[in-house]
Protein backbone atom coordinates (compact mmCIF):
# COMPACT_ATOMS: atom_id res chain seq x y z
CA MET A 1 -21.17 85.02 24.17
CA LYS A 2 -23.07 81.81 23.61
CA GLU A 3 -23.96 80.73 20.08
CA ALA A 4 -27.72 81.02 20.72
CA ASP A 5 -27.37 84.55 22.10
CA ALA A 6 -25.18 85.63 19.18
CA GLN A 7 -27.80 84.29 16.78
CA LYS A 8 -30.54 86.30 18.52
CA VAL A 9 -28.50 89.49 18.12
CA LEU A 10 -27.83 88.71 14.46
CA ASP A 11 -31.51 88.02 13.81
CA ALA A 12 -32.42 91.38 15.32
CA MET A 13 -29.74 93.15 13.25
CA LYS A 14 -30.93 91.49 10.03
CA LYS A 15 -34.46 92.78 10.66
CA MET A 16 -33.20 96.34 10.94
CA PHE A 17 -30.24 96.49 8.53
CA THR A 18 -29.09 95.03 5.25
CA MET A 19 -25.58 93.65 5.55
CA PRO A 20 -23.45 91.55 3.18
CA GLU A 21 -23.04 87.96 4.36
CA GLN A 22 -19.29 88.48 4.81
CA TYR A 23 -19.88 91.17 7.45
CA ILE A 24 -22.60 89.14 9.14
CA ASN A 25 -20.13 86.29 9.64
CA GLN A 26 -17.43 88.63 10.92
CA PHE A 27 -19.89 90.24 13.32
CA ARG A 28 -21.03 86.79 14.53
CA ASP A 29 -17.43 85.81 15.22
CA LYS A 30 -16.88 89.00 17.23
CA LEU A 31 -20.05 88.35 19.22
CA LEU A 32 -18.85 84.83 20.08
CA GLU A 33 -15.58 86.30 21.40
CA LEU A 34 -17.40 88.59 23.82
CA GLU A 35 -17.23 87.71 27.48
CA LEU A 36 -20.27 89.22 29.09
CA SER A 37 -19.87 90.64 32.58
CA GLY A 38 -21.02 88.25 35.26
CA ASN A 39 -20.67 85.31 32.88
CA SER A 40 -18.25 82.94 34.57
CA GLU A 41 -19.42 79.76 32.82
CA PRO A 42 -16.31 79.24 30.63
CA LYS A 43 -14.09 79.58 33.71
CA ILE A 44 -16.24 77.19 35.75
CA ASP A 45 -16.45 74.74 32.86
CA TRP A 46 -12.68 74.74 32.45
CA ILE A 47 -12.04 74.28 36.18
CA THR A 48 -14.48 71.33 36.25
CA GLU A 49 -12.85 69.73 33.21
CA ALA A 50 -9.33 70.37 34.53
CA ARG A 51 -10.25 68.94 37.94
CA ASP A 52 -11.53 65.75 36.26
CA VAL A 53 -8.24 65.50 34.37
CA ALA A 54 -6.32 66.03 37.63
CA LEU A 55 -8.34 63.30 39.38
CA ASN A 56 -7.64 60.84 36.57
CA LEU A 57 -3.94 61.68 36.49
CA ALA A 58 -3.64 61.40 40.27
CA GLU A 59 -5.35 57.99 40.17
CA GLU A 60 -3.01 56.79 37.37
CA ARG A 61 0.26 58.26 38.66
CA GLY A 62 -0.33 58.78 42.36
CA ARG A 63 0.53 62.46 42.07
CA VAL A 64 -0.29 65.40 39.82
CA SER A 65 0.67 69.06 39.36
CA ILE A 66 -0.93 71.89 37.47
CA VAL A 67 1.77 71.45 34.81
CA ASP A 68 0.43 67.94 34.11
CA VAL A 69 -3.14 69.21 34.02
CA LEU A 70 -2.35 72.08 31.65
CA HIS A 71 -0.57 69.67 29.34
CA GLU A 72 -3.78 67.61 29.03
CA CYS A 73 -6.29 70.46 29.35
CA PRO A 74 -4.87 73.81 28.13
CA LEU A 75 -6.36 77.00 29.45
CA PRO A 76 -8.71 78.54 26.84
CA ILE A 77 -7.75 81.87 25.29
CA GLY A 78 -9.25 84.80 27.12
CA ILE A 79 -9.51 83.16 30.53
CA ASP A 80 -7.41 84.69 33.31
CA PRO A 81 -4.50 82.33 34.08
CA ARG A 82 -5.08 82.78 37.81
CA VAL A 83 -8.07 80.41 37.60
CA VAL A 84 -5.66 77.45 37.61
CA GLY A 85 -5.47 77.90 41.37
CA GLY A 86 -9.03 76.62 41.65
CA VAL A 87 -8.31 73.18 40.20
CA PHE A 88 -6.92 71.68 43.41
CA LYS A 89 -9.21 73.57 45.79
CA HIS A 90 -11.28 70.47 46.35
CA GLN A 91 -11.50 67.99 49.21
CA ALA A 92 -10.30 65.17 46.94
CA PHE A 93 -6.77 66.60 46.80
CA VAL A 94 -4.04 66.92 49.38
CA ARG A 95 -0.73 68.70 48.75
CA ILE A 96 2.13 66.21 49.06
CA ASP A 97 5.09 68.02 47.55
CA SER A 98 6.31 71.04 45.57
CA ILE A 99 8.28 71.40 42.37
CA THR A 100 10.07 74.35 40.80
CA ILE A 101 9.32 75.08 37.18
CA LYS A 102 10.68 77.59 34.69
CA THR A 103 7.91 79.71 33.18
CA ASP A 104 7.69 80.87 29.56
CA ASN A 105 9.11 84.25 30.54
CA GLY A 106 12.21 82.63 32.09
CA ARG A 107 11.27 83.00 35.74
CA TYR A 108 11.17 80.19 38.26
CA LYS A 109 8.01 79.34 40.13
CA THR A 110 7.11 76.82 42.81
CA VAL A 111 3.92 74.83 42.22
CA GLY A 112 2.23 72.22 44.33
CA VAL A 113 2.13 68.49 43.70
CA PHE A 114 -1.06 66.83 44.84
CA GLY A 115 -2.24 63.36 45.62
CA LEU A 116 -5.70 62.07 46.35
CA HIS A 117 -7.01 62.48 49.86
CA LYS A 118 -7.35 59.12 51.60
CA ASN A 119 -11.13 59.51 51.99
CA SER A 120 -11.70 60.18 48.27
């Protein structure tokens, strides 16, 4: 939940109930952790930021993978890891290679390596 929305809820609660400041702060923190249904802004914001990182890395190095992007722009807590697939779904990128990585759980996975499309 956004800070402004959490504050509106807290203001309404304060008008109706008396709560110690400690509990108000804890409740505020819980409100900020809420992901409201239909609210995809954090995901979109992260993809946009990660895509900018990928563009910069591809310009500097000539190639970039999601591993490089995640090193510079970690996925926020609470966002589905599958959103990383959206970073390179943009006309600026073209897949040029693949690499095999070992995941945290010990499995091997093939990920794409991308360069900038010639017209970008």
